[in-house]
Amino acid sequence: MTTFLLIRHGDNDAIGRTMAGWTPGWHLNARGKQQAERLAQRLAGRPIRAIYTSPLERTVETAEAIARLHGLKPQHVDALGEIRLGEWEGRPIAELDRREDWRKFNTFRSGTRAPGGELMIETQTRMVQQIAWLCERHPDDTIAVVSHADPLRALIAYFLGMPLDLVLRLEIGPASLSVLQVHGWGARVLSLNEMEGQ
């Protein structure tokens, strides 16, 4: 049985304002660095054997804070990256809220593609494939996976048997922890969106 500590990166200046997506240069802000350090302290007693992270700066910085206390080096994996939002990346959310295609995307995630980007099911597929590979590589370990809100929602929805159109019902806050266990006969979501001390 593999235990996954599913972690969203800490706060940055894009959250709630801009669709950062894969745009480079979005680092943790001061609050995000504090969140990452507090989360690292909370996880210090867990037997984490490996840390895998999206390659984007905000996730890498969050993963590094956790890795330091475990003597580990985070491994960057593109499949754990943010949903690819194509033309919407870098745009202010207030601007996107006026667009019909954006509103449709947030209502009908299973069937609406971001212009030039991914369908949510494509994000979900790469996340699930990565988790399956990690289960083979770490069959009895606890490992940390640092990613982004939408990919983590899609992953958790898969293991809950939940339709993608309902993923926004799952809250995945900055520097939050959700715990998933996967074994040969099934999976269990043990916790969702733990944000102690924030």
N, C-alpha and C. Protein backbone atom coordinates (compact mmCIF):
# COMPACT_ATOMS: atom_id res chain seq x y z
N MET A 1 0.85 -1.19 0.00
CA MET A 1 0.00 0.00 0.00
C MET A 1 0.89 1.24 0.00
N THR A 2 0.65 2.13 -0.93
CA THR A 2 1.38 3.39 -1.01
C THR A 2 0.53 4.51 -0.42
N THR A 3 1.12 5.29 0.45
CA THR A 3 0.43 6.45 1.02
C THR A 3 0.98 7.71 0.35
N PHE A 4 0.07 8.47 -0.23
CA PHE A 4 0.43 9.70 -0.92
C PHE A 4 0.01 10.90 -0.08
N LEU A 5 0.98 11.76 0.21
CA LEU A 5 0.69 13.04 0.83
C LEU A 5 0.57 14.04 -0.32
N LEU A 6 -0.66 14.38 -0.66
CA LEU A 6 -0.94 15.25 -1.80
C LEU A 6 -0.95 16.69 -1.32
N ILE A 7 -0.04 17.48 -1.83
CA ILE A 7 0.19 18.83 -1.32
C ILE A 7 0.04 19.85 -2.44
N ARG A 8 -0.73 20.89 -2.16
CA ARG A 8 -0.77 22.03 -3.08
C ARG A 8 0.32 23.00 -2.65
N HIS A 9 0.92 23.65 -3.62
CA HIS A 9 1.95 24.66 -3.34
C HIS A 9 1.38 25.78 -2.45
N GLY A 10 2.30 26.49 -1.82
CA GLY A 10 1.91 27.62 -0.97
C GLY A 10 1.45 28.82 -1.78
N ASP A 11 1.07 29.85 -1.07
CA ASP A 11 0.50 31.06 -1.65
C ASP A 11 1.50 31.77 -2.56
N ASN A 12 0.97 32.39 -3.60
CA ASN A 12 1.75 33.27 -4.47
C ASN A 12 0.84 34.39 -4.94
N ASP A 13 1.41 35.39 -5.56
CA ASP A 13 0.63 36.58 -5.88
C ASP A 13 -0.38 36.39 -7.01
N ALA A 14 -0.36 35.24 -7.67
CA ALA A 14 -1.34 34.98 -8.74
C ALA A 14 -2.66 34.46 -8.18
N ILE A 15 -2.64 33.79 -7.04
CA ILE A 15 -3.84 33.12 -6.53
C ILE A 15 -4.97 34.12 -6.33
N GLY A 16 -6.11 33.80 -6.96
CA GLY A 16 -7.29 34.64 -6.87
C GLY A 16 -7.27 35.85 -7.78
N ARG A 17 -6.15 36.05 -8.50
CA ARG A 17 -6.03 37.24 -9.36
C ARG A 17 -5.74 36.91 -10.82
N THR A 18 -4.81 35.97 -11.04
CA THR A 18 -4.30 35.68 -12.38
C THR A 18 -4.25 34.18 -12.59
N MET A 19 -4.56 33.72 -13.80
CA MET A 19 -4.41 32.30 -14.12
C MET A 19 -2.95 32.05 -14.48
N ALA A 20 -2.18 31.67 -13.48
CA ALA A 20 -0.73 31.50 -13.68
C ALA A 20 -0.43 30.37 -14.64
N GLY A 21 -1.12 29.24 -14.49
CA GLY A 21 -0.86 28.09 -15.36
C GLY A 21 0.60 27.72 -15.38
N TRP A 22 1.14 27.53 -16.59
CA TRP A 22 2.54 27.15 -16.79
C TRP A 22 3.44 28.37 -17.02
N THR A 23 2.89 29.58 -16.87
CA THR A 23 3.69 30.78 -17.05
C THR A 23 4.83 30.78 -16.03
N PRO A 24 6.08 30.93 -16.47
CA PRO A 24 7.18 30.92 -15.51
C PRO A 24 7.22 32.20 -14.68
N GLY A 25 7.90 32.11 -13.53
CA GLY A 25 8.15 33.30 -12.72
C GLY A 25 7.23 33.50 -11.54
N TRP A 26 6.27 32.60 -11.33
CA TRP A 26 5.38 32.74 -10.18
C TRP A 26 5.98 31.97 -9.00
N HIS A 27 6.63 32.71 -8.13
CA HIS A 27 7.27 32.13 -6.94
C HIS A 27 6.35 32.27 -5.73
N LEU A 28 6.65 31.53 -4.68
CA LEU A 28 5.94 31.72 -3.42
C LEU A 28 6.17 33.14 -2.93
N ASN A 29 5.11 33.75 -2.41
CA ASN A 29 5.28 35.05 -1.76
C ASN A 29 5.65 34.80 -0.29
N ALA A 30 5.76 35.88 0.49
CA ALA A 30 6.19 35.73 1.90
C ALA A 30 5.25 34.82 2.66
N ARG A 31 3.94 34.98 2.45
CA ARG A 31 2.97 34.12 3.13
C ARG A 31 3.13 32.67 2.68
N GLY A 32 3.34 32.46 1.39
CA GLY A 32 3.52 31.12 0.86
C GLY A 32 4.74 30.43 1.43
N LYS A 33 5.82 31.17 1.61
CA LYS A 33 7.04 30.60 2.21
C LYS A 33 6.77 30.18 3.65
N GLN A 34 6.03 31.01 4.38
CA GLN A 34 5.67 30.66 5.76
C GLN A 34 4.79 29.41 5.78
N GLN A 35 3.83 29.35 4.87
CA GLN A 35 2.95 28.17 4.80
C GLN A 35 3.77 26.91 4.53
N ALA A 36 4.70 27.00 3.59
CA ALA A 36 5.52 25.84 3.23
C ALA A 36 6.36 25.39 4.43
N GLU A 37 6.92 26.34 5.15
CA GLU A 37 7.74 25.98 6.33
C GLU A 37 6.89 25.34 7.42
N ARG A 38 5.68 25.88 7.65
CA ARG A 38 4.79 25.29 8.67
C ARG A 38 4.37 23.88 8.26
N LEU A 39 4.06 23.71 6.99
CA LEU A 39 3.68 22.38 6.51
C LEU A 39 4.85 21.42 6.65
N ALA A 40 6.04 21.87 6.32
CA ALA A 40 7.23 21.02 6.48
C ALA A 40 7.39 20.57 7.92
N GLN A 41 7.17 21.47 8.86
CA GLN A 41 7.27 21.11 10.28
C GLN A 41 6.20 20.08 10.66
N ARG A 42 4.99 20.25 10.14
CA ARG A 42 3.91 19.29 10.42
C ARG A 42 4.23 17.91 9.89
N LEU A 43 4.96 17.86 8.78
CA LEU A 43 5.26 16.58 8.13
C LEU A 43 6.60 15.99 8.58
N ALA A 44 7.30 16.69 9.47
CA ALA A 44 8.64 16.26 9.86
C ALA A 44 8.66 14.85 10.44
N GLY A 45 7.60 14.45 11.12
CA GLY A 45 7.56 13.13 11.74
C GLY A 45 7.05 12.02 10.84
N ARG A 46 6.62 12.37 9.64
CA ARG A 46 6.11 11.34 8.71
C ARG A 46 7.28 10.64 8.02
N PRO A 47 7.13 9.35 7.74
CA PRO A 47 8.23 8.59 7.11
C PRO A 47 8.25 8.77 5.59
N ILE A 48 8.47 10.00 5.15
CA ILE A 48 8.46 10.29 3.71
C ILE A 48 9.73 9.73 3.06
N ARG A 49 9.54 8.89 2.04
CA ARG A 49 10.67 8.24 1.38
C ARG A 49 11.10 8.95 0.09
N ALA A 50 10.18 9.73 -0.49
CA ALA A 50 10.50 10.45 -1.74
C ALA A 50 9.53 11.61 -1.88
N ILE A 51 9.97 12.61 -2.63
CA ILE A 51 9.14 13.78 -2.91
C ILE A 51 9.16 14.03 -4.41
N TYR A 52 7.97 14.06 -5.00
CA TYR A 52 7.81 14.35 -6.42
C TYR A 52 7.04 15.65 -6.57
N THR A 53 7.46 16.47 -7.52
CA THR A 53 6.84 17.78 -7.64
C THR A 53 6.65 18.20 -9.10
N SER A 54 5.62 18.98 -9.32
CA SER A 54 5.49 19.71 -10.57
C SER A 54 6.77 20.53 -10.76
N PRO A 55 7.17 20.79 -12.01
CA PRO A 55 8.41 21.54 -12.22
C PRO A 55 8.28 23.06 -12.06
N LEU A 56 7.08 23.56 -11.79
CA LEU A 56 6.88 25.01 -11.71
C LEU A 56 7.43 25.56 -10.39
N GLU A 57 7.90 26.80 -10.42
CA GLU A 57 8.63 27.36 -9.29
C GLU A 57 7.90 27.25 -7.97
N ARG A 58 6.62 27.56 -7.96
CA ARG A 58 5.86 27.59 -6.70
C ARG A 58 5.75 26.21 -6.05
N THR A 59 5.69 25.17 -6.88
CA THR A 59 5.64 23.81 -6.33
C THR A 59 7.02 23.34 -5.89
N VAL A 60 8.02 23.65 -6.69
CA VAL A 60 9.39 23.25 -6.35
C VAL A 60 9.80 23.88 -5.02
N GLU A 61 9.49 25.15 -4.82
CA GLU A 61 9.85 25.83 -3.57
C GLU A 61 9.12 25.22 -2.38
N THR A 62 7.87 24.82 -2.56
CA THR A 62 7.13 24.15 -1.50
C THR A 62 7.75 22.78 -1.20
N ALA A 63 8.07 22.04 -2.26
CA ALA A 63 8.67 20.72 -2.09
C ALA A 63 10.03 20.80 -1.41
N GLU A 64 10.81 21.81 -1.74
CA GLU A 64 12.15 21.95 -1.15
C GLU A 64 12.07 22.18 0.35
N ALA A 65 11.07 22.93 0.80
CA ALA A 65 10.91 23.17 2.24
C ALA A 65 10.68 21.86 2.98
N ILE A 66 9.87 20.98 2.39
CA ILE A 66 9.59 19.67 3.00
C ILE A 66 10.81 18.76 2.90
N ALA A 67 11.46 18.78 1.76
CA ALA A 67 12.60 17.89 1.50
C ALA A 67 13.75 18.13 2.46
N ARG A 68 14.00 19.38 2.81
CA ARG A 68 15.13 19.70 3.70
C ARG A 68 15.08 18.93 5.00
N LEU A 69 13.86 18.78 5.57
CA LEU A 69 13.74 18.11 6.86
C LEU A 69 13.81 16.59 6.76
N HIS A 70 13.80 16.07 5.54
CA HIS A 70 13.85 14.62 5.34
C HIS A 70 15.13 14.18 4.62
N GLY A 71 16.01 15.12 4.33
CA GLY A 71 17.24 14.77 3.63
C GLY A 71 16.99 14.24 2.23
N LEU A 72 15.96 14.77 1.57
CA LEU A 72 15.58 14.29 0.24
C LEU A 72 15.76 15.40 -0.80
N LYS A 73 15.84 15.00 -2.05
CA LYS A 73 15.86 15.94 -3.16
C LYS A 73 14.57 15.76 -3.96
N PRO A 74 13.78 16.83 -4.11
CA PRO A 74 12.54 16.69 -4.89
C PRO A 74 12.83 16.31 -6.34
N GLN A 75 12.00 15.42 -6.87
CA GLN A 75 12.12 15.00 -8.26
C GLN A 75 11.04 15.70 -9.08
N HIS A 76 11.46 16.42 -10.10
CA HIS A 76 10.55 17.21 -10.93
C HIS A 76 9.90 16.31 -11.98
N VAL A 77 8.56 16.38 -12.07
CA VAL A 77 7.82 15.52 -12.99
C VAL A 77 6.78 16.37 -13.72
N ASP A 78 6.92 16.49 -15.04
CA ASP A 78 5.99 17.31 -15.83
C ASP A 78 4.54 16.86 -15.66
N ALA A 79 4.31 15.56 -15.52
CA ALA A 79 2.94 15.03 -15.42
C ALA A 79 2.21 15.56 -14.19
N LEU A 80 2.93 16.08 -13.21
CA LEU A 80 2.31 16.63 -12.00
C LEU A 80 2.05 18.13 -12.13
N GLY A 81 2.33 18.68 -13.30
CA GLY A 81 2.18 20.12 -13.51
C GLY A 81 0.73 20.57 -13.58
N GLU A 82 0.59 21.89 -13.60
CA GLU A 82 -0.73 22.54 -13.64
C GLU A 82 -1.49 22.15 -14.90
N ILE A 83 -2.82 22.25 -14.85
CA ILE A 83 -3.62 22.08 -16.06
C ILE A 83 -3.16 23.11 -17.08
N ARG A 84 -3.02 22.69 -18.31
CA ARG A 84 -2.58 23.61 -19.37
C ARG A 84 -3.79 24.41 -19.87
N LEU A 85 -3.72 25.71 -19.68
CA LEU A 85 -4.85 26.58 -19.97
C LEU A 85 -4.69 27.41 -21.23
N GLY A 86 -3.66 27.12 -22.01
CA GLY A 86 -3.51 27.76 -23.32
C GLY A 86 -3.61 29.27 -23.27
N GLU A 87 -4.56 29.83 -24.03
CA GLU A 87 -4.72 31.29 -24.17
C GLU A 87 -5.11 31.97 -22.86
N TRP A 88 -5.61 31.22 -21.90
CA TRP A 88 -6.02 31.84 -20.64
C TRP A 88 -4.86 32.07 -19.68
N GLU A 89 -3.73 31.44 -19.93
CA GLU A 89 -2.61 31.57 -19.00
C GLU A 89 -2.09 33.01 -18.97
N GLY A 90 -1.87 33.50 -17.77
CA GLY A 90 -1.39 34.85 -17.57
C GLY A 90 -2.46 35.92 -17.59
N ARG A 91 -3.71 35.51 -17.84
CA ARG A 91 -4.82 36.48 -17.89
C ARG A 91 -5.40 36.73 -16.50
N PRO A 92 -5.84 37.96 -16.23
CA PRO A 92 -6.51 38.24 -14.96
C PRO A 92 -7.83 37.48 -14.86
N ILE A 93 -8.12 36.96 -13.69
CA ILE A 93 -9.36 36.21 -13.50
C ILE A 93 -10.57 37.10 -13.72
N ALA A 94 -10.49 38.37 -13.31
CA ALA A 94 -11.62 39.30 -13.51
C ALA A 94 -11.95 39.43 -15.00
N GLU A 95 -10.95 39.40 -15.85
CA GLU A 95 -11.17 39.46 -17.30
C GLU A 95 -11.81 38.15 -17.78
N LEU A 96 -11.29 37.02 -17.31
CA LEU A 96 -11.83 35.72 -17.73
C LEU A 96 -13.27 35.54 -17.29
N ASP A 97 -13.62 36.08 -16.13
CA ASP A 97 -15.00 35.93 -15.63
C ASP A 97 -16.03 36.53 -16.58
N ARG A 98 -15.62 37.40 -17.49
CA ARG A 98 -16.55 38.01 -18.45
C ARG A 98 -16.70 37.17 -19.72
N ARG A 99 -15.92 36.09 -19.82
CA ARG A 99 -15.93 35.26 -21.03
C ARG A 99 -16.87 34.06 -20.87
N GLU A 100 -17.66 33.84 -21.88
CA GLU A 100 -18.60 32.71 -21.84
C GLU A 100 -17.86 31.37 -21.82
N ASP A 101 -16.76 31.25 -22.59
CA ASP A 101 -16.04 29.98 -22.63
C ASP A 101 -15.41 29.65 -21.28
N TRP A 102 -14.97 30.66 -20.54
CA TRP A 102 -14.42 30.44 -19.19
C TRP A 102 -15.52 29.99 -18.22
N ARG A 103 -16.67 30.64 -18.31
CA ARG A 103 -17.78 30.25 -17.44
C ARG A 103 -18.24 28.83 -17.76
N LYS A 104 -18.25 28.49 -19.05
CA LYS A 104 -18.62 27.13 -19.46
C LYS A 104 -17.59 26.12 -18.93
N PHE A 105 -16.32 26.46 -19.01
CA PHE A 105 -15.25 25.59 -18.50
C PHE A 105 -15.46 25.30 -17.02
N ASN A 106 -15.87 26.28 -16.26
CA ASN A 106 -16.04 26.10 -14.82
C ASN A 106 -17.37 25.43 -14.45
N THR A 107 -18.22 25.21 -15.42
CA THR A 107 -19.47 24.50 -15.21
C THR A 107 -19.43 23.09 -15.80
N PHE A 108 -18.77 22.97 -16.95
CA PHE A 108 -18.77 21.72 -17.73
C PHE A 108 -17.32 21.29 -17.96
N ARG A 109 -16.61 20.97 -16.86
CA ARG A 109 -15.20 20.63 -16.94
C ARG A 109 -14.96 19.38 -17.79
N SER A 110 -15.88 18.47 -17.80
CA SER A 110 -15.65 17.21 -18.52
C SER A 110 -15.66 17.39 -20.03
N GLY A 111 -16.23 18.48 -20.52
CA GLY A 111 -16.37 18.62 -21.97
C GLY A 111 -15.91 19.94 -22.54
N THR A 112 -15.23 20.77 -21.75
CA THR A 112 -14.80 22.07 -22.24
C THR A 112 -13.28 22.18 -22.18
N ARG A 113 -12.70 22.42 -23.34
CA ARG A 113 -11.25 22.57 -23.43
C ARG A 113 -10.88 24.05 -23.34
N ALA A 114 -9.87 24.35 -22.55
CA ALA A 114 -9.31 25.70 -22.57
C ALA A 114 -8.75 25.95 -23.97
N PRO A 115 -8.95 27.14 -24.56
CA PRO A 115 -8.46 27.40 -25.92
C PRO A 115 -6.95 27.19 -26.00
N GLY A 116 -6.54 26.21 -26.78
CA GLY A 116 -5.13 25.89 -26.90
C GLY A 116 -4.57 25.11 -25.73
N GLY A 117 -5.45 24.65 -24.84
CA GLY A 117 -5.01 23.94 -23.64
C GLY A 117 -5.56 22.53 -23.56
N GLU A 118 -5.66 22.02 -22.33
CA GLU A 118 -6.08 20.65 -22.08
C GLU A 118 -7.55 20.57 -21.72
N LEU A 119 -8.13 19.41 -21.99
CA LEU A 119 -9.37 19.01 -21.33
C LEU A 119 -9.01 18.56 -19.92
N MET A 120 -9.93 18.73 -18.99
CA MET A 120 -9.67 18.31 -17.61
C MET A 120 -9.37 16.82 -17.54
N ILE A 121 -10.01 16.03 -18.40
CA ILE A 121 -9.76 14.58 -18.37
C ILE A 121 -8.33 14.25 -18.80
N GLU A 122 -7.73 15.09 -19.62
CA GLU A 122 -6.33 14.88 -19.99
C GLU A 122 -5.41 15.14 -18.79
N THR A 123 -5.74 16.17 -18.03
CA THR A 123 -5.01 16.44 -16.79
C THR A 123 -5.18 15.27 -15.83
N GLN A 124 -6.43 14.82 -15.68
CA GLN A 124 -6.71 13.71 -14.77
C GLN A 124 -5.96 12.45 -15.20
N THR A 125 -5.94 12.17 -16.49
CA THR A 125 -5.29 10.96 -16.99
C THR A 125 -3.80 10.97 -16.67
N ARG A 126 -3.12 12.08 -16.92
CA ARG A 126 -1.68 12.11 -16.64
C ARG A 126 -1.40 12.01 -15.15
N MET A 127 -2.27 12.60 -14.32
CA MET A 127 -2.08 12.50 -12.87
C MET A 127 -2.27 11.06 -12.40
N VAL A 128 -3.32 10.40 -12.86
CA VAL A 128 -3.60 9.02 -12.45
C VAL A 128 -2.49 8.09 -12.95
N GLN A 129 -2.03 8.29 -14.18
CA GLN A 129 -0.93 7.46 -14.69
C GLN A 129 0.32 7.64 -13.84
N GLN A 130 0.59 8.86 -13.41
CA GLN A 130 1.76 9.11 -12.57
C GLN A 130 1.62 8.41 -11.22
N ILE A 131 0.43 8.47 -10.63
CA ILE A 131 0.20 7.81 -9.35
C ILE A 131 0.36 6.30 -9.50
N ALA A 132 -0.14 5.74 -10.59
CA ALA A 132 0.01 4.29 -10.82
C ALA A 132 1.49 3.92 -10.93
N TRP A 133 2.27 4.73 -11.62
CA TRP A 133 3.70 4.47 -11.75
C TRP A 133 4.40 4.59 -10.39
N LEU A 134 4.00 5.58 -9.60
CA LEU A 134 4.60 5.75 -8.28
C LEU A 134 4.24 4.59 -7.35
N CYS A 135 3.04 4.05 -7.50
CA CYS A 135 2.66 2.87 -6.71
C CYS A 135 3.59 1.70 -7.00
N GLU A 136 3.94 1.51 -8.26
CA GLU A 136 4.86 0.43 -8.64
C GLU A 136 6.26 0.69 -8.09
N ARG A 137 6.67 1.94 -8.12
CA ARG A 137 8.02 2.29 -7.67
C ARG A 137 8.14 2.31 -6.14
N HIS A 138 7.04 2.63 -5.46
CA HIS A 138 7.04 2.77 -3.99
C HIS A 138 5.88 1.96 -3.40
N PRO A 139 5.89 0.63 -3.51
CA PRO A 139 4.72 -0.17 -3.14
C PRO A 139 4.35 -0.11 -1.65
N ASP A 140 5.27 0.21 -0.78
CA ASP A 140 4.96 0.22 0.65
C ASP A 140 5.43 1.50 1.34
N ASP A 141 5.58 2.57 0.58
CA ASP A 141 6.16 3.79 1.12
C ASP A 141 5.13 4.89 1.30
N THR A 142 5.53 5.89 2.06
CA THR A 142 4.82 7.17 2.12
C THR A 142 5.62 8.15 1.29
N ILE A 143 4.96 8.77 0.32
CA ILE A 143 5.65 9.73 -0.53
C ILE A 143 4.84 11.01 -0.63
N ALA A 144 5.53 12.11 -0.85
CA ALA A 144 4.88 13.40 -1.01
C ALA A 144 4.79 13.74 -2.50
N VAL A 145 3.65 14.30 -2.89
CA VAL A 145 3.42 14.74 -4.26
C VAL A 145 2.96 16.19 -4.17
N VAL A 146 3.75 17.11 -4.74
CA VAL A 146 3.43 18.53 -4.68
C VAL A 146 2.95 18.98 -6.06
N SER A 147 1.73 19.50 -6.11
CA SER A 147 1.13 19.85 -7.39
C SER A 147 0.27 21.10 -7.22
N HIS A 148 -0.81 21.17 -7.98
CA HIS A 148 -1.65 22.36 -8.08
C HIS A 148 -3.10 21.98 -7.81
N ALA A 149 -3.93 22.97 -7.58
CA ALA A 149 -5.31 22.72 -7.14
C ALA A 149 -6.09 21.85 -8.13
N ASP A 150 -6.16 22.25 -9.40
CA ASP A 150 -6.99 21.50 -10.35
C ASP A 150 -6.47 20.09 -10.61
N PRO A 151 -5.17 19.88 -10.83
CA PRO A 151 -4.71 18.50 -10.99
C PRO A 151 -4.98 17.64 -9.76
N LEU A 152 -4.82 18.20 -8.57
CA LEU A 152 -5.11 17.43 -7.35
C LEU A 152 -6.60 17.14 -7.23
N ARG A 153 -7.44 18.12 -7.56
CA ARG A 153 -8.89 17.87 -7.56
C ARG A 153 -9.23 16.73 -8.52
N ALA A 154 -8.66 16.77 -9.72
CA ALA A 154 -8.96 15.75 -10.73
C ALA A 154 -8.52 14.37 -10.25
N LEU A 155 -7.36 14.31 -9.61
CA LEU A 155 -6.85 13.04 -9.10
C LEU A 155 -7.74 12.49 -8.00
N ILE A 156 -8.09 13.32 -7.05
CA ILE A 156 -8.94 12.88 -5.94
C ILE A 156 -10.32 12.48 -6.46
N ALA A 157 -10.85 13.25 -7.40
CA ALA A 157 -12.15 12.91 -7.98
C ALA A 157 -12.11 11.52 -8.62
N TYR A 158 -11.02 11.19 -9.28
CA TYR A 158 -10.90 9.87 -9.91
C TYR A 158 -11.04 8.77 -8.86
N PHE A 159 -10.30 8.89 -7.76
CA PHE A 159 -10.33 7.84 -6.76
C PHE A 159 -11.61 7.83 -5.93
N LEU A 160 -12.35 8.92 -5.96
CA LEU A 160 -13.67 8.96 -5.31
C LEU A 160 -14.78 8.51 -6.26
N GLY A 161 -14.47 8.32 -7.54
CA GLY A 161 -15.50 8.00 -8.52
C GLY A 161 -16.42 9.17 -8.78
N MET A 162 -15.88 10.38 -8.72
CA MET A 162 -16.66 11.61 -8.79
C MET A 162 -16.56 12.22 -10.19
N PRO A 163 -17.66 12.67 -10.77
CA PRO A 163 -17.60 13.29 -12.10
C PRO A 163 -16.75 14.55 -12.10
N LEU A 164 -16.04 14.78 -13.19
CA LEU A 164 -15.20 15.96 -13.30
C LEU A 164 -15.99 17.26 -13.24
N ASP A 165 -17.25 17.22 -13.63
CA ASP A 165 -18.05 18.44 -13.58
C ASP A 165 -18.29 18.93 -12.15
N LEU A 166 -17.98 18.09 -11.17
CA LEU A 166 -18.20 18.46 -9.77
C LEU A 166 -16.90 18.77 -9.03
N VAL A 167 -15.76 18.83 -9.73
CA VAL A 167 -14.49 18.96 -9.02
C VAL A 167 -14.36 20.26 -8.23
N LEU A 168 -15.05 21.30 -8.64
CA LEU A 168 -14.93 22.57 -7.89
C LEU A 168 -15.62 22.49 -6.54
N ARG A 169 -16.31 21.39 -6.26
CA ARG A 169 -16.83 21.17 -4.91
C ARG A 169 -15.73 20.74 -3.94
N LEU A 170 -14.59 20.34 -4.47
CA LEU A 170 -13.45 19.94 -3.64
C LEU A 170 -12.56 21.16 -3.43
N GLU A 171 -12.40 21.58 -2.20
CA GLU A 171 -11.52 22.70 -1.90
C GLU A 171 -10.11 22.17 -1.67
N ILE A 172 -9.15 22.75 -2.38
CA ILE A 172 -7.73 22.39 -2.23
C ILE A 172 -6.99 23.72 -2.05
N GLY A 173 -6.83 24.15 -0.80
CA GLY A 173 -6.24 25.45 -0.51
C GLY A 173 -4.73 25.45 -0.62
N PRO A 174 -4.12 26.65 -0.64
CA PRO A 174 -2.66 26.75 -0.68
C PRO A 174 -2.01 26.04 0.50
N ALA A 175 -0.96 25.29 0.22
CA ALA A 175 -0.20 24.54 1.22
C ALA A 175 -1.06 23.54 1.99
N SER A 176 -2.13 23.07 1.35
CA SER A 176 -3.00 22.08 2.00
C SER A 176 -2.45 20.68 1.78
N LEU A 177 -2.89 19.79 2.65
CA LEU A 177 -2.51 18.38 2.60
C LEU A 177 -3.76 17.53 2.47
N SER A 178 -3.75 16.63 1.51
CA SER A 178 -4.78 15.60 1.39
C SER A 178 -4.03 14.27 1.37
N VAL A 179 -4.62 13.23 1.95
CA VAL A 179 -3.93 11.95 2.06
C VAL A 179 -4.71 10.88 1.32
N LEU A 180 -4.01 10.16 0.45
CA LEU A 180 -4.58 9.10 -0.38
C LEU A 180 -3.75 7.84 -0.18
N GLN A 181 -4.44 6.72 0.04
CA GLN A 181 -3.76 5.43 0.08
C GLN A 181 -4.25 4.59 -1.09
N VAL A 182 -3.31 3.96 -1.79
CA VAL A 182 -3.63 3.13 -2.95
C VAL A 182 -2.96 1.77 -2.76
N HIS A 183 -3.74 0.71 -2.97
CA HIS A 183 -3.19 -0.64 -2.93
C HIS A 183 -3.80 -1.44 -4.07
N GLY A 184 -3.41 -2.68 -4.18
CA GLY A 184 -3.83 -3.49 -5.32
C GLY A 184 -5.32 -3.71 -5.46
N TRP A 185 -6.06 -3.53 -4.38
CA TRP A 185 -7.50 -3.81 -4.40
C TRP A 185 -8.36 -2.56 -4.29
N GLY A 186 -7.75 -1.40 -4.30
CA GLY A 186 -8.57 -0.20 -4.21
C GLY A 186 -7.79 0.98 -3.66
N ALA A 187 -8.53 2.02 -3.30
CA ALA A 187 -7.93 3.24 -2.79
C ALA A 187 -8.85 3.86 -1.76
N ARG A 188 -8.24 4.66 -0.87
CA ARG A 188 -9.01 5.38 0.15
C ARG A 188 -8.48 6.80 0.25
N VAL A 189 -9.39 7.77 0.28
CA VAL A 189 -9.02 9.15 0.58
C VAL A 189 -9.18 9.32 2.08
N LEU A 190 -8.07 9.50 2.78
CA LEU A 190 -8.09 9.56 4.24
C LEU A 190 -8.34 10.95 4.77
N SER A 191 -7.93 11.97 4.00
CA SER A 191 -8.20 13.35 4.42
C SER A 191 -8.17 14.25 3.22
N LEU A 192 -8.78 15.42 3.37
CA LEU A 192 -8.88 16.36 2.26
C LEU A 192 -8.65 17.78 2.78
N ASN A 193 -7.73 18.49 2.13
CA ASN A 193 -7.57 19.93 2.36
C ASN A 193 -7.24 20.28 3.81
N GLU A 194 -6.36 19.51 4.43
CA GLU A 194 -5.92 19.86 5.79
C GLU A 194 -5.08 21.13 5.72
N MET A 195 -5.44 22.13 6.52
CA MET A 195 -4.72 23.41 6.49
C MET A 195 -4.48 23.90 7.91
N GLU A 196 -4.03 23.04 8.78
CA GLU A 196 -3.81 23.35 10.18
C GLU A 196 -2.83 24.51 10.34
N GLY A 197 -3.16 25.43 11.23
CA GLY A 197 -2.27 26.52 11.56
C GLY A 197 -2.21 27.62 10.52
N GLN A 198 -3.13 27.62 9.56
CA GLN A 198 -3.13 28.67 8.54
C GLN A 198 -4.37 29.52 8.68
